Amino acid sequence: MTVEEAATLFKAVPSIRDKMETLARVGLGYVKVGQQATTLSGGEAQRVKLSKELSRRATGRTLYILDEPTTGLHFHDVAKLMDVLHELVDQGNTVVVIEHNLEVIKTADWVIDMGPEGGDGGGRVVAEGTPEQIAKSAESHTGRFLRGVLARRPPM
């Protein structure tokens, strides 16, 4: 039984339903209930921890650090996760995401682009600023690809 199926099955049991709905909100609706933690990807494990945090009373003073949380996610689940992360920021929390997914980067308030390459070829700040500022950076590989993504973004 998946998390989404369990949320439906246990809709009359708030203590179970709420936990399942929170897991689904962070893009884990497809995970099997009772699935061993050792079989989860790093991104899935981070989202399990995030769902636990979301179940706690919000203080608006929490720093969340996520490393590639969208790895392996379907784009619909990425959108769900982004909604949750933006909600955390709207509540006054700080969210730091280490990510290569341009759909995530384009929604950031501030980007710090490290590089210019990986490993020995990286390790310095190539560009920092809003996604639009990163897209204008001649040194930024991320910026070069981000330009195309931002050009497709519908105006707000």
N, C-alpha and C. Protein backbone atom coordinates (compact mmCIF):
# COMPACT_ATOMS: atom_id res chain seq x y z
N MET A 1 0.85 -1.16 0.00
CA MET A 1 0.00 0.00 0.00
C MET A 1 0.91 1.24 0.00
N THR A 2 0.60 2.19 -0.88
CA THR A 2 1.38 3.42 -0.94
C THR A 2 0.92 4.41 0.13
N VAL A 3 1.71 5.43 0.33
CA VAL A 3 1.37 6.50 1.27
C VAL A 3 0.04 7.15 0.87
N GLU A 4 -0.14 7.43 -0.42
CA GLU A 4 -1.40 8.04 -0.88
C GLU A 4 -2.59 7.12 -0.62
N GLU A 5 -2.42 5.82 -0.87
CA GLU A 5 -3.51 4.87 -0.61
C GLU A 5 -3.83 4.81 0.88
N ALA A 6 -2.80 4.86 1.71
CA ALA A 6 -3.01 4.82 3.17
C ALA A 6 -3.74 6.07 3.65
N ALA A 7 -3.42 7.21 3.07
CA ALA A 7 -4.10 8.45 3.46
C ALA A 7 -5.59 8.35 3.18
N THR A 8 -5.94 7.73 2.07
CA THR A 8 -7.35 7.54 1.72
C THR A 8 -8.00 6.50 2.63
N LEU A 9 -7.33 5.37 2.80
CA LEU A 9 -7.88 4.28 3.61
C LEU A 9 -8.11 4.72 5.06
N PHE A 10 -7.18 5.51 5.59
CA PHE A 10 -7.26 5.92 7.00
C PHE A 10 -7.77 7.35 7.17
N LYS A 11 -8.62 7.80 6.25
CA LYS A 11 -9.10 9.19 6.33
C LYS A 11 -9.89 9.45 7.61
N ALA A 12 -10.45 8.40 8.22
CA ALA A 12 -11.21 8.57 9.47
C ALA A 12 -10.33 8.48 10.71
N VAL A 13 -9.02 8.26 10.52
CA VAL A 13 -8.09 8.15 11.64
C VAL A 13 -7.06 9.28 11.50
N PRO A 14 -7.37 10.44 12.07
CA PRO A 14 -6.52 11.62 11.85
C PRO A 14 -5.04 11.43 12.14
N SER A 15 -4.70 10.68 13.17
CA SER A 15 -3.29 10.51 13.53
C SER A 15 -2.50 9.82 12.41
N ILE A 16 -3.13 8.89 11.71
CA ILE A 16 -2.47 8.20 10.59
C ILE A 16 -2.61 9.04 9.32
N ARG A 17 -3.83 9.48 9.05
CA ARG A 17 -4.10 10.27 7.84
C ARG A 17 -3.18 11.48 7.72
N ASP A 18 -3.02 12.23 8.82
CA ASP A 18 -2.21 13.44 8.78
C ASP A 18 -0.75 13.15 8.43
N LYS A 19 -0.21 12.08 9.00
CA LYS A 19 1.17 11.70 8.69
C LYS A 19 1.31 11.31 7.22
N MET A 20 0.36 10.55 6.71
CA MET A 20 0.40 10.12 5.31
C MET A 20 0.26 11.32 4.36
N GLU A 21 -0.63 12.23 4.71
CA GLU A 21 -0.83 13.42 3.87
C GLU A 21 0.42 14.30 3.85
N THR A 22 1.10 14.39 4.98
CA THR A 22 2.33 15.18 5.04
C THR A 22 3.42 14.54 4.19
N LEU A 23 3.53 13.22 4.24
CA LEU A 23 4.50 12.54 3.37
C LEU A 23 4.17 12.78 1.90
N ALA A 24 2.90 12.73 1.56
CA ALA A 24 2.48 12.97 0.17
C ALA A 24 2.78 14.41 -0.25
N ARG A 25 2.63 15.35 0.66
CA ARG A 25 2.88 16.77 0.34
C ARG A 25 4.32 17.02 -0.09
N VAL A 26 5.26 16.24 0.44
CA VAL A 26 6.66 16.43 0.07
C VAL A 26 7.08 15.51 -1.07
N GLY A 27 6.10 14.94 -1.76
CA GLY A 27 6.39 14.14 -2.95
C GLY A 27 6.68 12.68 -2.69
N LEU A 28 6.22 12.14 -1.58
CA LEU A 28 6.47 10.74 -1.25
C LEU A 28 5.22 9.88 -1.29
N GLY A 29 4.20 10.30 -2.01
CA GLY A 29 2.95 9.57 -2.08
C GLY A 29 3.08 8.18 -2.67
N TYR A 30 4.11 7.97 -3.47
CA TYR A 30 4.33 6.68 -4.15
C TYR A 30 5.06 5.66 -3.28
N VAL A 31 5.66 6.09 -2.18
CA VAL A 31 6.45 5.20 -1.32
C VAL A 31 5.52 4.21 -0.62
N LYS A 32 5.98 2.98 -0.47
CA LYS A 32 5.20 1.95 0.22
C LYS A 32 5.26 2.16 1.73
N VAL A 33 4.13 2.05 2.38
CA VAL A 33 4.09 2.14 3.84
C VAL A 33 4.88 0.96 4.39
N GLY A 34 5.77 1.23 5.31
CA GLY A 34 6.59 0.17 5.89
C GLY A 34 7.85 -0.13 5.10
N GLN A 35 8.08 0.60 4.02
CA GLN A 35 9.28 0.39 3.21
C GLN A 35 10.51 0.67 4.08
N GLN A 36 11.51 -0.19 3.98
CA GLN A 36 12.71 -0.03 4.80
C GLN A 36 13.44 1.25 4.42
N ALA A 37 13.89 1.96 5.42
CA ALA A 37 14.60 3.23 5.20
C ALA A 37 15.85 3.04 4.36
N THR A 38 16.48 1.88 4.46
CA THR A 38 17.71 1.63 3.71
C THR A 38 17.47 1.55 2.21
N THR A 39 16.21 1.41 1.79
CA THR A 39 15.91 1.34 0.35
C THR A 39 15.58 2.71 -0.23
N LEU A 40 15.51 3.74 0.61
CA LEU A 40 15.18 5.08 0.13
C LEU A 40 16.43 5.76 -0.41
N SER A 41 16.24 6.59 -1.43
CA SER A 41 17.35 7.39 -1.94
C SER A 41 17.67 8.48 -0.93
N GLY A 42 18.79 9.15 -1.12
CA GLY A 42 19.14 10.26 -0.23
C GLY A 42 18.08 11.35 -0.24
N GLY A 43 17.57 11.67 -1.43
CA GLY A 43 16.54 12.70 -1.54
C GLY A 43 15.25 12.29 -0.85
N GLU A 44 14.89 11.01 -0.99
CA GLU A 44 13.68 10.51 -0.31
C GLU A 44 13.85 10.57 1.20
N ALA A 45 15.03 10.18 1.68
CA ALA A 45 15.28 10.20 3.13
C ALA A 45 15.19 11.63 3.67
N GLN A 46 15.71 12.59 2.91
CA GLN A 46 15.61 14.00 3.34
C GLN A 46 14.16 14.44 3.41
N ARG A 47 13.36 13.98 2.46
CA ARG A 47 11.95 14.38 2.44
C ARG A 47 11.17 13.72 3.57
N VAL A 48 11.57 12.51 3.99
CA VAL A 48 10.95 11.89 5.16
C VAL A 48 11.24 12.76 6.39
N LYS A 49 12.49 13.20 6.54
CA LYS A 49 12.85 14.07 7.67
C LYS A 49 12.09 15.38 7.59
N LEU A 50 11.96 15.93 6.38
CA LEU A 50 11.23 17.18 6.20
C LEU A 50 9.77 17.02 6.61
N SER A 51 9.16 15.88 6.25
CA SER A 51 7.75 15.66 6.62
C SER A 51 7.60 15.58 8.13
N LYS A 52 8.59 15.00 8.80
CA LYS A 52 8.56 14.95 10.27
C LYS A 52 8.63 16.37 10.84
N GLU A 53 9.48 17.20 10.26
CA GLU A 53 9.58 18.60 10.69
C GLU A 53 8.26 19.34 10.48
N LEU A 54 7.61 19.07 9.36
CA LEU A 54 6.35 19.75 9.04
C LEU A 54 5.24 19.36 10.02
N SER A 55 5.39 18.22 10.66
CA SER A 55 4.40 17.77 11.64
C SER A 55 4.54 18.47 12.98
N ARG A 56 5.67 19.13 13.18
CA ARG A 56 5.92 19.83 14.45
C ARG A 56 5.32 21.23 14.42
N ARG A 57 5.22 21.82 15.58
CA ARG A 57 4.73 23.20 15.68
C ARG A 57 5.75 24.13 15.03
N ALA A 58 5.30 24.96 14.12
CA ALA A 58 6.19 25.87 13.40
C ALA A 58 6.60 27.04 14.28
N THR A 59 7.91 27.37 14.24
CA THR A 59 8.41 28.52 14.99
C THR A 59 8.75 29.68 14.06
N GLY A 60 8.97 29.37 12.79
CA GLY A 60 9.38 30.41 11.86
C GLY A 60 10.83 30.83 12.06
N ARG A 61 11.59 30.02 12.78
CA ARG A 61 12.99 30.35 13.06
C ARG A 61 13.89 29.14 12.82
N THR A 62 13.57 28.35 11.83
CA THR A 62 14.32 27.12 11.59
C THR A 62 15.11 27.24 10.29
N LEU A 63 16.32 26.71 10.29
CA LEU A 63 17.16 26.64 9.10
C LEU A 63 17.08 25.22 8.56
N TYR A 64 16.61 25.09 7.33
CA TYR A 64 16.53 23.79 6.66
C TYR A 64 17.61 23.76 5.59
N ILE A 65 18.42 22.70 5.57
CA ILE A 65 19.44 22.53 4.54
C ILE A 65 19.16 21.21 3.85
N LEU A 66 18.94 21.27 2.54
CA LEU A 66 18.62 20.08 1.75
C LEU A 66 19.64 19.92 0.63
N ASP A 67 20.12 18.71 0.43
CA ASP A 67 21.12 18.41 -0.59
C ASP A 67 20.48 17.58 -1.69
N GLU A 68 20.26 18.20 -2.84
CA GLU A 68 19.67 17.54 -4.01
C GLU A 68 18.36 16.83 -3.67
N PRO A 69 17.39 17.51 -3.06
CA PRO A 69 16.16 16.84 -2.64
C PRO A 69 15.27 16.39 -3.79
N THR A 70 15.52 16.87 -5.00
CA THR A 70 14.65 16.50 -6.13
C THR A 70 15.17 15.29 -6.90
N THR A 71 16.31 14.75 -6.51
CA THR A 71 16.88 13.61 -7.23
C THR A 71 15.87 12.47 -7.32
N GLY A 72 15.59 12.04 -8.53
CA GLY A 72 14.69 10.92 -8.77
C GLY A 72 13.22 11.26 -8.74
N LEU A 73 12.87 12.52 -8.52
CA LEU A 73 11.46 12.90 -8.43
C LEU A 73 10.85 13.19 -9.80
N HIS A 74 9.61 12.78 -9.97
CA HIS A 74 8.82 13.17 -11.14
C HIS A 74 8.56 14.66 -11.04
N PHE A 75 8.43 15.35 -12.18
CA PHE A 75 8.29 16.81 -12.13
C PHE A 75 7.07 17.26 -11.34
N HIS A 76 6.01 16.46 -11.28
CA HIS A 76 4.85 16.83 -10.46
C HIS A 76 5.21 16.81 -8.97
N ASP A 77 6.03 15.83 -8.59
CA ASP A 77 6.46 15.75 -7.19
C ASP A 77 7.46 16.85 -6.85
N VAL A 78 8.27 17.27 -7.84
CA VAL A 78 9.16 18.41 -7.63
C VAL A 78 8.33 19.65 -7.32
N ALA A 79 7.25 19.84 -8.07
CA ALA A 79 6.37 21.00 -7.84
C ALA A 79 5.76 20.95 -6.44
N LYS A 80 5.36 19.76 -5.98
CA LYS A 80 4.81 19.62 -4.63
C LYS A 80 5.85 20.01 -3.59
N LEU A 81 7.06 19.51 -3.78
CA LEU A 81 8.14 19.81 -2.84
C LEU A 81 8.43 21.30 -2.83
N MET A 82 8.45 21.92 -3.99
CA MET A 82 8.72 23.36 -4.06
C MET A 82 7.64 24.16 -3.33
N ASP A 83 6.40 23.74 -3.46
CA ASP A 83 5.31 24.41 -2.74
C ASP A 83 5.57 24.37 -1.23
N VAL A 84 5.99 23.21 -0.74
CA VAL A 84 6.26 23.06 0.70
C VAL A 84 7.44 23.93 1.12
N LEU A 85 8.51 23.95 0.31
CA LEU A 85 9.68 24.75 0.67
C LEU A 85 9.35 26.24 0.67
N HIS A 86 8.57 26.68 -0.30
CA HIS A 86 8.17 28.10 -0.34
C HIS A 86 7.26 28.43 0.85
N GLU A 87 6.44 27.48 1.24
CA GLU A 87 5.58 27.67 2.42
C GLU A 87 6.43 27.85 3.68
N LEU A 88 7.49 27.07 3.80
CA LEU A 88 8.40 27.21 4.95
C LEU A 88 9.03 28.60 4.98
N VAL A 89 9.45 29.08 3.82
CA VAL A 89 10.04 30.42 3.74
C VAL A 89 9.00 31.48 4.10
N ASP A 90 7.79 31.32 3.58
CA ASP A 90 6.72 32.28 3.88
C ASP A 90 6.41 32.34 5.38
N GLN A 91 6.71 31.26 6.10
CA GLN A 91 6.49 31.21 7.55
C GLN A 91 7.66 31.81 8.33
N GLY A 92 8.67 32.31 7.61
CA GLY A 92 9.80 32.96 8.27
C GLY A 92 11.02 32.09 8.44
N ASN A 93 10.99 30.87 7.94
CA ASN A 93 12.13 29.97 8.03
C ASN A 93 13.12 30.27 6.90
N THR A 94 14.33 29.74 7.04
CA THR A 94 15.34 29.85 5.99
C THR A 94 15.55 28.47 5.39
N VAL A 95 15.52 28.39 4.06
CA VAL A 95 15.71 27.12 3.37
C VAL A 95 16.91 27.26 2.43
N VAL A 96 17.91 26.42 2.63
CA VAL A 96 19.09 26.38 1.77
C VAL A 96 19.02 25.06 1.02
N VAL A 97 19.06 25.15 -0.31
CA VAL A 97 18.95 23.94 -1.13
C VAL A 97 20.17 23.85 -2.04
N ILE A 98 20.88 22.74 -1.97
CA ILE A 98 21.97 22.47 -2.89
C ILE A 98 21.34 21.66 -4.02
N GLU A 99 21.34 22.22 -5.22
CA GLU A 99 20.52 21.63 -6.28
C GLU A 99 21.08 21.96 -7.66
N HIS A 100 20.88 21.03 -8.60
CA HIS A 100 21.23 21.25 -10.01
C HIS A 100 20.00 21.39 -10.89
N ASN A 101 18.84 21.11 -10.37
CA ASN A 101 17.60 21.17 -11.14
C ASN A 101 17.25 22.63 -11.43
N LEU A 102 17.27 22.99 -12.71
CA LEU A 102 17.04 24.39 -13.10
C LEU A 102 15.63 24.86 -12.76
N GLU A 103 14.67 23.95 -12.74
CA GLU A 103 13.30 24.32 -12.37
C GLU A 103 13.23 24.75 -10.90
N VAL A 104 14.11 24.21 -10.10
CA VAL A 104 14.19 24.61 -8.69
C VAL A 104 14.98 25.91 -8.57
N ILE A 105 16.11 25.99 -9.25
CA ILE A 105 16.97 27.17 -9.17
C ILE A 105 16.22 28.43 -9.60
N LYS A 106 15.38 28.31 -10.63
CA LYS A 106 14.69 29.51 -11.13
C LYS A 106 13.71 30.10 -10.12
N THR A 107 13.32 29.33 -9.11
CA THR A 107 12.36 29.84 -8.11
C THR A 107 13.04 30.37 -6.86
N ALA A 108 14.38 30.29 -6.82
CA ALA A 108 15.11 30.71 -5.62
C ALA A 108 15.06 32.22 -5.43
N ASP A 109 15.12 32.64 -4.18
CA ASP A 109 15.26 34.07 -3.89
C ASP A 109 16.70 34.51 -4.17
N TRP A 110 17.66 33.62 -3.88
CA TRP A 110 19.07 33.96 -4.03
C TRP A 110 19.83 32.70 -4.41
N VAL A 111 20.76 32.81 -5.34
CA VAL A 111 21.53 31.67 -5.83
C VAL A 111 23.01 31.96 -5.60
N ILE A 112 23.74 30.98 -5.10
CA ILE A 112 25.20 31.05 -5.03
C ILE A 112 25.69 29.93 -5.95
N ASP A 113 26.28 30.32 -7.07
CA ASP A 113 26.73 29.36 -8.08
C ASP A 113 28.20 29.07 -7.85
N MET A 114 28.50 27.81 -7.52
CA MET A 114 29.87 27.38 -7.27
C MET A 114 30.43 26.75 -8.54
N GLY A 115 31.73 26.89 -8.74
CA GLY A 115 32.32 26.29 -9.93
C GLY A 115 33.71 26.83 -10.17
N PRO A 116 34.09 26.99 -11.43
CA PRO A 116 33.21 26.85 -12.60
C PRO A 116 32.95 25.41 -12.99
N GLU A 117 33.77 24.49 -12.52
CA GLU A 117 33.57 23.06 -12.81
C GLU A 117 33.34 22.34 -11.48
N GLY A 118 33.25 21.02 -11.55
CA GLY A 118 33.13 20.22 -10.34
C GLY A 118 34.50 19.78 -9.86
N GLY A 119 34.57 19.23 -8.67
CA GLY A 119 35.82 18.68 -8.14
C GLY A 119 36.94 19.70 -8.09
N ASP A 120 38.13 19.31 -8.57
CA ASP A 120 39.30 20.19 -8.53
C ASP A 120 39.11 21.45 -9.37
N GLY A 121 38.21 21.41 -10.34
CA GLY A 121 37.97 22.56 -11.21
C GLY A 121 36.97 23.54 -10.64
N GLY A 122 36.53 23.31 -9.42
CA GLY A 122 35.51 24.17 -8.83
C GLY A 122 35.95 24.71 -7.49
N GLY A 123 34.95 24.98 -6.67
CA GLY A 123 35.25 25.42 -5.32
C GLY A 123 35.28 26.91 -5.09
N ARG A 124 34.91 27.68 -6.09
CA ARG A 124 34.84 29.12 -5.87
C ARG A 124 33.48 29.64 -6.30
N VAL A 125 33.11 30.79 -5.78
CA VAL A 125 31.84 31.40 -6.15
C VAL A 125 32.02 32.03 -7.54
N VAL A 126 31.24 31.53 -8.49
CA VAL A 126 31.29 32.03 -9.87
C VAL A 126 30.34 33.21 -10.02
N ALA A 127 29.18 33.09 -9.39
CA ALA A 127 28.17 34.14 -9.47
C ALA A 127 27.24 34.01 -8.27
N GLU A 128 26.64 35.12 -7.89
CA GLU A 128 25.62 35.09 -6.85
C GLU A 128 24.62 36.19 -7.13
N GLY A 129 23.37 35.90 -6.76
CA GLY A 129 22.31 36.87 -6.98
C GLY A 129 21.00 36.17 -7.24
N THR A 130 20.07 36.92 -7.79
CA THR A 130 18.78 36.34 -8.16
C THR A 130 18.98 35.43 -9.36
N PRO A 131 18.03 34.56 -9.66
CA PRO A 131 18.18 33.72 -10.85
C PRO A 131 18.41 34.56 -12.12
N GLU A 132 17.76 35.70 -12.20
CA GLU A 132 17.93 36.57 -13.37
C GLU A 132 19.36 37.12 -13.45
N GLN A 133 19.94 37.44 -12.30
CA GLN A 133 21.33 37.92 -12.29
C GLN A 133 22.30 36.80 -12.66
N ILE A 134 22.04 35.60 -12.18
CA ILE A 134 22.88 34.45 -12.52
C ILE A 134 22.83 34.20 -14.03
N ALA A 135 21.65 34.32 -14.60
CA ALA A 135 21.47 34.09 -16.04
C ALA A 135 22.28 35.08 -16.88
N LYS A 136 22.58 36.23 -16.34
CA LYS A 136 23.35 37.25 -17.06
C LYS A 136 24.86 37.09 -16.89
N SER A 137 25.28 36.21 -16.00
CA SER A 137 26.70 36.04 -15.71
C SER A 137 27.39 35.28 -16.84
N ALA A 138 28.43 35.88 -17.39
CA ALA A 138 29.18 35.25 -18.48
C ALA A 138 29.98 34.05 -18.00
N GLU A 139 30.41 34.05 -16.73
CA GLU A 139 31.23 32.97 -16.19
C GLU A 139 30.43 31.75 -15.76
N SER A 140 29.14 31.91 -15.56
CA SER A 140 28.32 30.86 -14.94
C SER A 140 27.77 29.87 -15.96
N HIS A 141 28.19 28.60 -15.82
CA HIS A 141 27.59 27.54 -16.65
C HIS A 141 26.11 27.43 -16.32
N THR A 142 25.78 27.51 -15.04
CA THR A 142 24.38 27.45 -14.61
C THR A 142 23.60 28.58 -15.27
N GLY A 143 24.18 29.77 -15.28
CA GLY A 143 23.51 30.92 -15.88
C GLY A 143 23.20 30.73 -17.35
N ARG A 144 24.13 30.11 -18.06
CA ARG A 144 23.92 29.86 -19.50
C ARG A 144 22.67 29.01 -19.72
N PHE A 145 22.50 27.97 -18.92
CA PHE A 145 21.33 27.10 -19.07
C PHE A 145 20.08 27.72 -18.46
N LEU A 146 20.27 28.49 -17.41
CA LEU A 146 19.15 29.15 -16.74
C LEU A 146 18.47 30.18 -17.64
N ARG A 147 19.24 30.81 -18.52
CA ARG A 147 18.67 31.80 -19.45
C ARG A 147 17.51 31.20 -20.23
N GLY A 148 17.71 30.00 -20.76
CA GLY A 148 16.65 29.35 -21.54
C GLY A 148 15.43 29.01 -20.70
N VAL A 149 15.66 28.56 -19.48
CA VAL A 149 14.56 28.20 -18.59
C VAL A 149 13.76 29.45 -18.21
N LEU A 150 14.46 30.53 -17.91
CA LEU A 150 13.78 31.77 -17.53
C LEU A 150 13.02 32.36 -18.71
N ALA A 151 13.53 32.17 -19.91
CA ALA A 151 12.85 32.70 -21.10
C ALA A 151 11.50 32.01 -21.31
N ARG A 152 11.39 30.75 -20.86
CA ARG A 152 10.13 30.00 -21.00
C ARG A 152 9.16 30.25 -19.87
N ARG A 153 9.61 30.92 -18.80
CA ARG A 153 8.78 31.13 -17.61
C ARG A 153 7.68 32.13 -17.94
N PRO A 154 6.43 31.76 -17.65
CA PRO A 154 5.34 32.71 -17.89
C PRO A 154 5.45 33.89 -16.93
N PRO A 155 5.10 35.10 -17.39
CA PRO A 155 5.18 36.26 -16.50
C PRO A 155 4.21 36.13 -15.34
N MET A 156 4.62 36.65 -14.18
CA MET A 156 3.78 36.57 -12.98
C MET A 156 2.84 37.73 -12.89
